[in-house]
Every structure is written in C-alpha cells, then in structure tokens.
Amino acid sequence: MHEFSPLDLAGVAVIGLVFIKILGPVARAFANRIEGKTPAPIAEDPAVDQLRDQVEELHERVDFLERTLASRPPPAELPQPRTPV
C-alpha cells in the first residue's frame, strides 16, 4: 500500500483551501438567493444623476434632428446625364 507523505497531505490541504476560497462566495450567494435575501442596497453616486441628465439631453437632440430630417421635402431629382452624339 502507498503511504501518504507530508507533501501529499499539504497538497490536499492546498486544494481544499482553493475550493473553499473559490466556491465559498458562490455557495453563500446561492444560499442567499434560495432564502430570498436581497443584497445590500448600493448607495447611488451623484455622477449617475448627472449622466442621466446628459443622456436625456442627447435623446432630445436626436429626436429633434430626426423630426427635422423627416420634415424636409425630398430632394429634386437630378438631371439625367446626356450622352454626346
């Protein structure tokens, strides 16, 4: 039979710690979801409101440009090219 050396035991311990470090938060999040707990609310950054205002302004400008382009009459037809005789 094969005897375990201290190196084998250390390797098993390291692998176990890696699994705990990686899968621990995932398992905790999964358990919270099953229990129906909601994550802690994140405080809103004041810059988010400023960005929302800027996006709203840009949206209004795009709408204005779309209406302006849609209200123009279609361009007159270009004259047909003549071939020299």
PDB file of N, CA and C in Angstrom:
ATOM      1  N   MET A   1       0.809  -1.184   0.000  1.00  0.00           N
ATOM      2  CA  MET A   1       0.000   0.000   0.000  1.00  0.00           C
ATOM      3  C   MET A   1       0.857   1.255   0.000  1.00  0.00           C
ATOM      4  N   HIS A   2       0.290   2.298  -0.559  1.00  0.00           N
ATOM      5  CA  HIS A   2       1.018   3.568  -0.632  1.00  0.00           C
ATOM      6  C   HIS A   2       0.784   4.368   0.638  1.00  0.00           C
ATOM      7  N   GLU A   3       1.844   4.858   1.224  1.00  0.00           N
ATOM      8  CA  GLU A   3       1.718   5.673   2.430  1.00  0.00           C
ATOM      9  C   GLU A   3       1.677   7.140   2.028  1.00  0.00           C
ATOM     10  N   PHE A   4       0.897   7.907   2.750  1.00  0.00           N
ATOM     11  CA  PHE A   4       0.822   9.339   2.488  1.00  0.00           C
ATOM     12  C   PHE A   4       2.030  10.024   3.092  1.00  0.00           C
ATOM     13  N   SER A   5       2.627  10.888   2.294  1.00  0.00           N
ATOM     14  CA  SER A   5       3.751  11.670   2.796  1.00  0.00           C
ATOM     15  C   SER A   5       3.224  13.033   3.235  1.00  0.00           C
ATOM     16  N   PRO A   6       4.005  13.793   3.974  1.00  0.00           N
ATOM     17  CA  PRO A   6       3.569  15.143   4.356  1.00  0.00           C
ATOM     18  C   PRO A   6       3.300  16.030   3.136  1.00  0.00           C
ATOM     19  N   LEU A   7       4.006  15.765   2.041  1.00  0.00           N
ATOM     20  CA  LEU A   7       3.783  16.547   0.821  1.00  0.00           C
ATOM     21  C   LEU A   7       2.397  16.260   0.241  1.00  0.00           C
ATOM     22  N   ASP A   8       1.967  15.007   0.294  1.00  0.00           N
ATOM     23  CA  ASP A   8       0.626  14.654  -0.175  1.00  0.00           C
ATOM     24  C   ASP A   8      -0.436  15.343   0.672  1.00  0.00           C
ATOM     25  N   LEU A   9      -0.242  15.330   1.957  1.00  0.00           N
ATOM     26  CA  LEU A   9      -1.194  15.962   2.863  1.00  0.00           C
ATOM     27  C   LEU A   9      -1.254  17.473   2.617  1.00  0.00           C
ATOM     28  N   ALA A  10      -0.103  18.090   2.386  1.00  0.00           N
ATOM     29  CA  ALA A  10      -0.068  19.531   2.101  1.00  0.00           C
ATOM     30  C   ALA A  10      -0.785  19.832   0.793  1.00  0.00           C
ATOM     31  N   GLY A  11      -0.625  18.972  -0.207  1.00  0.00           N
ATOM     32  CA  GLY A  11      -1.306  19.178  -1.481  1.00  0.00           C
ATOM     33  C   GLY A  11      -2.811  19.096  -1.341  1.00  0.00           C
ATOM     34  N   VAL A  12      -3.299  18.137  -0.565  1.00  0.00           N
ATOM     35  CA  VAL A  12      -4.739  18.014  -0.332  1.00  0.00           C
ATOM     36  C   VAL A  12      -5.256  19.240   0.415  1.00  0.00           C
ATOM     37  N   ALA A  13      -4.484  19.725   1.382  1.00  0.00           N
ATOM     38  CA  ALA A  13      -4.892  20.905   2.143  1.00  0.00           C
ATOM     39  C   ALA A  13      -4.964  22.134   1.240  1.00  0.00           C
ATOM     40  N   VAL A  14      -3.989  22.299   0.357  1.00  0.00           N
ATOM     41  CA  VAL A  14      -3.986  23.456  -0.552  1.00  0.00           C
ATOM     42  C   VAL A  14      -5.181  23.383  -1.506  1.00  0.00           C
ATOM     43  N   ILE A  15      -5.449  22.213  -2.039  1.00  0.00           N
ATOM     44  CA  ILE A  15      -6.595  22.065  -2.949  1.00  0.00           C
ATOM     45  C   ILE A  15      -7.891  22.366  -2.208  1.00  0.00           C
ATOM     46  N   GLY A  16      -8.004  21.905  -0.972  1.00  0.00           N
ATOM     47  CA  GLY A  16      -9.194  22.192  -0.172  1.00  0.00           C
ATOM     48  C   GLY A  16      -9.367  23.676   0.074  1.00  0.00           C
ATOM     49  N   LEU A  17      -8.282  24.375   0.403  1.00  0.00           N
ATOM     50  CA  LEU A  17      -8.360  25.817   0.634  1.00  0.00           C
ATOM     51  C   LEU A  17      -8.759  26.573  -0.633  1.00  0.00           C
ATOM     52  N   VAL A  18      -8.231  26.120  -1.777  1.00  0.00           N
ATOM     53  CA  VAL A  18      -8.586  26.766  -3.047  1.00  0.00           C
ATOM     54  C   VAL A  18     -10.079  26.606  -3.311  1.00  0.00           C
ATOM     55  N   PHE A  19     -10.607  25.398  -3.092  1.00  0.00           N
ATOM     56  CA  PHE A  19     -12.042  25.188  -3.290  1.00  0.00           C
ATOM     57  C   PHE A  19     -12.868  26.049  -2.354  1.00  0.00           C
ATOM     58  N   ILE A  20     -12.439  26.163  -1.111  1.00  0.00           N
ATOM     59  CA  ILE A  20     -13.186  26.974  -0.148  1.00  0.00           C
ATOM     60  C   ILE A  20     -13.149  28.442  -0.557  1.00  0.00           C
ATOM     61  N   LYS A  21     -11.980  28.928  -0.982  1.00  0.00           N
ATOM     62  CA  LYS A  21     -11.854  30.341  -1.374  1.00  0.00           C
ATOM     63  C   LYS A  21     -12.667  30.656  -2.622  1.00  0.00           C
ATOM     64  N   ILE A  22     -12.700  29.733  -3.566  1.00  0.00           N
ATOM     65  CA  ILE A  22     -13.399  29.993  -4.826  1.00  0.00           C
ATOM     66  C   ILE A  22     -14.889  29.718  -4.691  1.00  0.00           C
ATOM     67  N   LEU A  23     -15.232  28.574  -4.140  1.00  0.00           N
ATOM     68  CA  LEU A  23     -16.635  28.180  -4.097  1.00  0.00           C
ATOM     69  C   LEU A  23     -17.388  28.736  -2.901  1.00  0.00           C
ATOM     70  N   GLY A  24     -16.678  29.237  -1.895  1.00  0.00           N
ATOM     71  CA  GLY A  24     -17.343  29.781  -0.709  1.00  0.00           C
ATOM     72  C   GLY A  24     -18.279  30.932  -1.031  1.00  0.00           C
ATOM     73  N   PRO A  25     -17.802  31.985  -1.689  1.00  0.00           N
ATOM     74  CA  PRO A  25     -18.691  33.102  -2.024  1.00  0.00           C
ATOM     75  C   PRO A  25     -19.821  32.695  -2.970  1.00  0.00           C
ATOM     76  N   VAL A  26     -19.539  31.782  -3.875  1.00  0.00           N
ATOM     77  CA  VAL A  26     -20.581  31.330  -4.807  1.00  0.00           C
ATOM     78  C   VAL A  26     -21.666  30.597  -4.030  1.00  0.00           C
ATOM     79  N   ALA A  27     -21.275  29.712  -3.120  1.00  0.00           N
ATOM     80  CA  ALA A  27     -22.243  28.967  -2.319  1.00  0.00           C
ATOM     81  C   ALA A  27     -23.032  29.905  -1.412  1.00  0.00           C
ATOM     82  N   ARG A  28     -22.369  30.922  -0.857  1.00  0.00           N
ATOM     83  CA  ARG A  28     -23.056  31.880   0.001  1.00  0.00           C
ATOM     84  C   ARG A  28     -24.088  32.680  -0.792  1.00  0.00           C
ATOM     85  N   ALA A  29     -23.736  33.112  -1.988  1.00  0.00           N
ATOM     86  CA  ALA A  29     -24.675  33.854  -2.829  1.00  0.00           C
ATOM     87  C   ALA A  29     -25.854  32.975  -3.234  1.00  0.00           C
ATOM     88  N   PHE A  30     -25.561  31.723  -3.542  1.00  0.00           N
ATOM     89  CA  PHE A  30     -26.628  30.795  -3.910  1.00  0.00           C
ATOM     90  C   PHE A  30     -27.579  30.575  -2.730  1.00  0.00           C
ATOM     91  N   ALA A  31     -27.027  30.425  -1.523  1.00  0.00           N
ATOM     92  CA  ALA A  31     -27.855  30.230  -0.336  1.00  0.00           C
ATOM     93  C   ALA A  31     -28.706  31.461  -0.062  1.00  0.00           C
ATOM     94  N   ASN A  32     -28.138  32.651  -0.212  1.00  0.00           N
ATOM     95  CA  ASN A  32     -28.913  33.881  -0.007  1.00  0.00           C
ATOM     96  C   ASN A  32     -30.042  33.987  -1.013  1.00  0.00           C
ATOM     97  N   ARG A  33     -29.796  33.565  -2.240  1.00  0.00           N
ATOM     98  CA  ARG A  33     -30.840  33.626  -3.256  1.00  0.00           C
ATOM     99  C   ARG A  33     -31.969  32.656  -2.939  1.00  0.00           C
ATOM    100  N   ILE A  34     -31.612  31.470  -2.455  1.00  0.00           N
ATOM    101  CA  ILE A  34     -32.635  30.493  -2.090  1.00  0.00           C
ATOM    102  C   ILE A  34     -33.467  31.004  -0.921  1.00  0.00           C
ATOM    103  N   GLU A  35     -32.808  31.632   0.051  1.00  0.00           N
ATOM    104  CA  GLU A  35     -33.515  32.147   1.217  1.00  0.00           C
ATOM    105  C   GLU A  35     -34.335  33.388   0.899  1.00  0.00           C
ATOM    106  N   GLY A  36     -34.095  34.007  -0.224  1.00  0.00           N
ATOM    107  CA  GLY A  36     -34.853  35.193  -0.613  1.00  0.00           C
ATOM    108  C   GLY A  36     -34.271  36.479  -0.083  1.00  0.00           C
ATOM    109  N   LYS A  37     -33.061  36.431   0.427  1.00  0.00           N
ATOM    110  CA  LYS A  37     -32.426  37.661   0.918  1.00  0.00           C
ATOM    111  C   LYS A  37     -32.001  38.511  -0.262  1.00  0.00           C
ATOM    112  N   THR A  38     -32.210  39.791  -0.136  1.00  0.00           N
ATOM    113  CA  THR A  38     -31.774  40.707  -1.184  1.00  0.00           C
ATOM    114  C   THR A  38     -30.406  41.269  -0.812  1.00  0.00           C
ATOM    115  N   PRO A  39     -29.587  41.554  -1.803  1.00  0.00           N
ATOM    116  CA  PRO A  39     -28.282  42.130  -1.491  1.00  0.00           C
ATOM    117  C   PRO A  39     -28.438  43.531  -0.897  1.00  0.00           C
ATOM    118  N   ALA A  40     -27.440  43.944  -0.161  1.00  0.00           N
ATOM    119  CA  ALA A  40     -27.465  45.276   0.451  1.00  0.00           C
ATOM    120  C   ALA A  40     -27.544  46.331  -0.644  1.00  0.00           C
ATOM    121  N   PRO A  41     -28.391  47.353  -0.437  1.00  0.00           N
ATOM    122  CA  PRO A  41     -28.502  48.388  -1.469  1.00  0.00           C
ATOM    123  C   PRO A  41     -27.201  49.167  -1.606  1.00  0.00           C
ATOM    124  N   ILE A  42     -26.902  49.517  -2.830  1.00  0.00           N
ATOM    125  CA  ILE A  42     -25.691  50.274  -3.122  1.00  0.00           C
ATOM    126  C   ILE A  42     -26.052  51.755  -3.134  1.00  0.00           C
ATOM    127  N   ALA A  43     -25.269  52.550  -2.439  1.00  0.00           N
ATOM    128  CA  ALA A  43     -25.518  53.988  -2.418  1.00  0.00           C
ATOM    129  C   ALA A  43     -25.301  54.550  -3.816  1.00  0.00           C
ATOM    130  N   GLU A  44     -26.255  55.382  -4.238  1.00  0.00           N
ATOM    131  CA  GLU A  44     -26.145  55.949  -5.586  1.00  0.00           C
ATOM    132  C   GLU A  44     -25.083  57.035  -5.624  1.00  0.00           C
ATOM    133  N   ASP A  45     -24.362  57.042  -6.696  1.00  0.00           N
ATOM    134  CA  ASP A  45     -23.322  58.023  -6.916  1.00  0.00           C
ATOM    135  C   ASP A  45     -23.960  59.262  -7.546  1.00  0.00           C
ATOM    136  N   PRO A  46     -23.618  60.463  -7.085  1.00  0.00           N
ATOM    137  CA  PRO A  46     -24.208  61.673  -7.687  1.00  0.00           C
ATOM    138  C   PRO A  46     -23.870  61.808  -9.171  1.00  0.00           C
ATOM    139  N   ALA A  47     -22.788  61.196  -9.602  1.00  0.00           N
ATOM    140  CA  ALA A  47     -22.421  61.289 -11.016  1.00  0.00           C
ATOM    141  C   ALA A  47     -23.432  60.554 -11.885  1.00  0.00           C
ATOM    142  N   VAL A  48     -24.132  59.564 -11.321  1.00  0.00           N
ATOM    143  CA  VAL A  48     -25.126  58.822 -12.097  1.00  0.00           C
ATOM    144  C   VAL A  48     -26.265  59.747 -12.509  1.00  0.00           C
ATOM    145  N   ASP A  49     -26.715  60.604 -11.596  1.00  0.00           N
ATOM    146  CA  ASP A  49     -27.780  61.548 -11.937  1.00  0.00           C
ATOM    147  C   ASP A  49     -27.325  62.516 -13.030  1.00  0.00           C
ATOM    148  N   GLN A  50     -26.093  62.958 -12.939  1.00  0.00           N
ATOM    149  CA  GLN A  50     -25.556  63.868 -13.953  1.00  0.00           C
ATOM    150  C   GLN A  50     -25.510  63.162 -15.315  1.00  0.00           C
ATOM    151  N   LEU A  51     -25.082  61.916 -15.341  1.00  0.00           N
ATOM    152  CA  LEU A  51     -25.034  61.176 -16.600  1.00  0.00           C
ATOM    153  C   LEU A  51     -26.433  60.945 -17.160  1.00  0.00           C
ATOM    154  N   ARG A  52     -27.404  60.679 -16.283  1.00  0.00           N
ATOM    155  CA  ARG A  52     -28.790  60.515 -16.747  1.00  0.00           C
ATOM    156  C   ARG A  52     -29.287  61.785 -17.411  1.00  0.00           C
ATOM    157  N   ASP A  53     -28.980  62.936 -16.800  1.00  0.00           N
ATOM    158  CA  ASP A  53     -29.403  64.213 -17.388  1.00  0.00           C
ATOM    159  C   ASP A  53     -28.765  64.413 -18.762  1.00  0.00           C
ATOM    160  N   GLN A  54     -27.474  64.084 -18.885  1.00  0.00           N
ATOM    161  CA  GLN A  54     -26.796  64.249 -20.163  1.00  0.00           C
ATOM    162  C   GLN A  54     -27.377  63.319 -21.233  1.00  0.00           C
ATOM    163  N   VAL A  55     -27.690  62.100 -20.850  1.00  0.00           N
ATOM    164  CA  VAL A  55     -28.283  61.161 -21.807  1.00  0.00           C
ATOM    165  C   VAL A  55     -29.658  61.653 -22.231  1.00  0.00           C
ATOM    166  N   GLU A  56     -30.410  62.199 -21.292  1.00  0.00           N
ATOM    167  CA  GLU A  56     -31.736  62.737 -21.618  1.00  0.00           C
ATOM    168  C   GLU A  56     -31.620  63.899 -22.611  1.00  0.00           C
ATOM    169  N   GLU A  57     -30.636  64.785 -22.396  1.00  0.00           N
ATOM    170  CA  GLU A  57     -30.423  65.897 -23.328  1.00  0.00           C
ATOM    171  C   GLU A  57     -30.058  65.376 -24.718  1.00  0.00           C
ATOM    172  N   LEU A  58     -29.170  64.396 -24.763  1.00  0.00           N
ATOM    173  CA  LEU A  58     -28.781  63.838 -26.058  1.00  0.00           C
ATOM    174  C   LEU A  58     -29.972  63.185 -26.755  1.00  0.00           C
ATOM    175  N   HIS A  59     -30.818  62.537 -25.991  1.00  0.00           N
ATOM    176  CA  HIS A  59     -32.010  61.907 -26.564  1.00  0.00           C
ATOM    177  C   HIS A  59     -32.925  62.961 -27.173  1.00  0.00           C
ATOM    178  N   GLU A  60     -33.097  64.088 -26.479  1.00  0.00           N
ATOM    179  CA  GLU A  60     -33.923  65.175 -27.015  1.00  0.00           C
ATOM    180  C   GLU A  60     -33.322  65.734 -28.303  1.00  0.00           C
ATOM    181  N   ARG A  61     -32.009  65.868 -28.343  1.00  0.00           N
ATOM    182  CA  ARG A  61     -31.353  66.384 -29.549  1.00  0.00           C
ATOM    183  C   ARG A  61     -31.526  65.431 -30.728  1.00  0.00           C
ATOM    184  N   VAL A  62     -31.389  64.156 -30.482  1.00  0.00           N
ATOM    185  CA  VAL A  62     -31.562  63.176 -31.555  1.00  0.00           C
ATOM    186  C   VAL A  62     -32.996  63.204 -32.055  1.00  0.00           C
ATOM    187  N   ASP A  63     -33.942  63.281 -31.130  1.00  0.00           N
ATOM    188  CA  ASP A  63     -35.347  63.374 -31.546  1.00  0.00           C
ATOM    189  C   ASP A  63     -35.582  64.606 -32.414  1.00  0.00           C
ATOM    190  N   PHE A  64     -35.006  65.749 -32.011  1.00  0.00           N
ATOM    191  CA  PHE A  64     -35.170  66.973 -32.791  1.00  0.00           C
ATOM    192  C   PHE A  64     -34.579  66.809 -34.192  1.00  0.00           C
ATOM    193  N   LEU A  65     -33.379  66.223 -34.269  1.00  0.00           N
ATOM    194  CA  LEU A  65     -32.756  66.036 -35.577  1.00  0.00           C
ATOM    195  C   LEU A  65     -33.560  65.078 -36.446  1.00  0.00           C
ATOM    196  N   GLU A  66     -34.108  64.036 -35.858  1.00  0.00           N
ATOM    197  CA  GLU A  66     -34.930  63.103 -36.625  1.00  0.00           C
ATOM    198  C   GLU A  66     -36.177  63.796 -37.162  1.00  0.00           C
ATOM    199  N   ARG A  67     -36.825  64.614 -36.331  1.00  0.00           N
ATOM    200  CA  ARG A  67     -38.019  65.348 -36.800  1.00  0.00           C
ATOM    201  C   ARG A  67     -37.653  66.335 -37.894  1.00  0.00           C
ATOM    202  N   THR A  68     -36.508  67.005 -37.740  1.00  0.00           N
ATOM    203  CA  THR A  68     -36.073  67.984 -38.740  1.00  0.00           C
ATOM    204  C   THR A  68     -35.809  67.301 -40.075  1.00  0.00           C
ATOM    205  N   LEU A  69     -35.123  66.182 -40.048  1.00  0.00           N
ATOM    206  CA  LEU A  69     -34.828  65.482 -41.294  1.00  0.00           C
ATOM    207  C   LEU A  69     -36.083  64.897 -41.919  1.00  0.00           C
ATOM    208  N   ALA A  70     -37.009  64.452 -41.105  1.00  0.00           N
ATOM    209  CA  ALA A  70     -38.238  63.853 -41.634  1.00  0.00           C
ATOM    210  C   ALA A  70     -39.169  64.907 -42.236  1.00  0.00           C
ATOM    211  N   SER A  71     -39.084  66.167 -41.769  1.00  0.00           N
ATOM    212  CA  SER A  71     -39.999  67.191 -42.258  1.00  0.00           C
ATOM    213  C   SER A  71     -39.516  67.851 -43.544  1.00  0.00           C
ATOM    214  N   ARG A  72     -38.297  67.635 -43.953  1.00  0.00           N
ATOM    215  CA  ARG A  72     -37.794  68.241 -45.182  1.00  0.00           C
ATOM    216  C   ARG A  72     -38.426  67.565 -46.394  1.00  0.00           C
ATOM    217  N   PRO A  73     -38.684  68.355 -47.432  1.00  0.00           N
ATOM    218  CA  PRO A  73     -39.195  67.732 -48.656  1.00  0.00           C
ATOM    219  C   PRO A  73     -38.085  66.910 -49.319  1.00  0.00           C
ATOM    220  N   PRO A  74     -38.459  65.905 -50.058  1.00  0.00           N
ATOM    221  CA  PRO A  74     -37.427  65.105 -50.712  1.00  0.00           C
ATOM    222  C   PRO A  74     -36.668  65.962 -51.734  1.00  0.00           C
ATOM    223  N   PRO A  75     -35.413  65.693 -51.946  1.00  0.00           N
ATOM    224  CA  PRO A  75     -34.641  66.498 -52.891  1.00  0.00           C
ATOM    225  C   PRO A  75     -35.162  66.296 -54.320  1.00  0.00           C
ATOM    226  N   ALA A  76     -35.028  67.362 -55.111  1.00  0.00           N
ATOM    227  CA  ALA A  76     -35.454  67.278 -56.516  1.00  0.00           C
ATOM    228  C   ALA A  76     -34.580  66.258 -57.233  1.00  0.00           C
ATOM    229  N   GLU A  77     -35.164  65.667 -58.254  1.00  0.00           N
ATOM    230  CA  GLU A  77     -34.390  64.666 -58.984  1.00  0.00           C
ATOM    231  C   GLU A  77     -33.251  65.334 -59.731  1.00  0.00           C
ATOM    232  N   LEU A  78     -32.161  64.650 -59.798  1.00  0.00           N
ATOM    233  CA  LEU A  78     -31.005  65.155 -60.533  1.00  0.00           C
ATOM    234  C   LEU A  78     -31.271  64.996 -62.021  1.00  0.00           C
ATOM    235  N   PRO A  79     -30.762  65.902 -62.832  1.00  0.00           N
ATOM    236  CA  PRO A  79     -30.969  65.759 -64.273  1.00  0.00           C
ATOM    237  C   PRO A  79     -30.293  64.490 -64.777  1.00  0.00           C
ATOM    238  N   GLN A  80     -30.924  63.886 -65.756  1.00  0.00           N
ATOM    239  CA  GLN A  80     -30.366  62.668 -66.342  1.00  0.00           C
ATOM    240  C   GLN A  80     -29.113  63.022 -67.146  1.00  0.00           C
ATOM    241  N   PRO A  81     -28.078  62.217 -67.030  1.00  0.00           N
ATOM    242  CA  PRO A  81     -26.869  62.539 -67.799  1.00  0.00           C
ATOM    243  C   PRO A  81     -27.130  62.362 -69.298  1.00  0.00           C
ATOM    244  N   ARG A  82     -26.565  63.283 -70.056  1.00  0.00           N
ATOM    245  CA  ARG A  82     -26.735  63.218 -71.513  1.00  0.00           C
ATOM    246  C   ARG A  82     -25.488  62.622 -72.110  1.00  0.00           C
ATOM    247  N   THR A  83     -25.708  61.804 -73.093  1.00  0.00           N
ATOM    248  CA  THR A  83     -24.568  61.226 -73.789  1.00  0.00           C
ATOM    249  C   THR A  83     -24.283  62.052 -75.025  1.00  0.00           C
ATOM    250  N   PRO A  84     -23.029  62.305 -75.303  1.00  0.00           N
ATOM    251  CA  PRO A  84     -22.728  63.108 -76.511  1.00  0.00           C
ATOM    252  C   PRO A  84     -23.097  62.319 -77.773  1.00  0.00           C
ATOM    253  N   VAL A  85     -23.568  63.056 -78.761  1.00  0.00           N
ATOM    254  CA  VAL A  85     -23.984  62.421 -80.016  1.00  0.00           C
ATOM    255  C   VAL A  85     -22.866  62.347 -80.980  1.00  0.00           C
TER     256      VAL A  85
END
